[in-house]
Amino acid sequence: MRIRIATIEDATTIADFNTRLAHETEHLALDGATLEAGVGAAIADPLKATYYLAEIDGKVAGQLMITHEWSDWRNGDMWWIQSVYVAADFRRRGVFKALYEHVREAARKSGAAGIRLYVERENQKAQDTYRKLGMSMTPYLVMEEIL
């Protein structure tokens, strides 16, 4: 398995994975044009986000995206994991674990203060996976207003 940073040539695959992710986890249909523009913007500007891809035998098997949040409490950068998706044919083969371990090492080398992600309350399988990798549940809830 090879972990690498996505390039613009990967945008179609990432958009497809994000479409599948939204449908599988939240039964949402994303607007394709908005999604493709968002993926392209992230790839073009590392200050917005960075996609990491896992490849097996030359095929993209999974992805995750990192965004950054400054923590004044920790005087450090928090890396947020988002857009996690592993293609159905590659599940249960350690793809997410490899992506996570790669990102954790990159975060450590960068001097990041920590790694966070959000997970659906009912997604016990994902929560178990994240715990096995060393993450723990926080007392925080996420609130939002979509503009």
Foldseek 3Di string as FASTA:
>chain_A
DDKDWDALVCLVVLLVQLQVVCCVPPVDGDDSVVSSVVSNVCRVDVQAKIKMFDDDPRHTFWIWIWYWDQDPVQRFIETEIDSTGGPPVCPPPCRVVVVVVVVVVVCVVVVGPYYYYDDDPPPVVVVVVVVVSPDDDDPDDDDDDDD
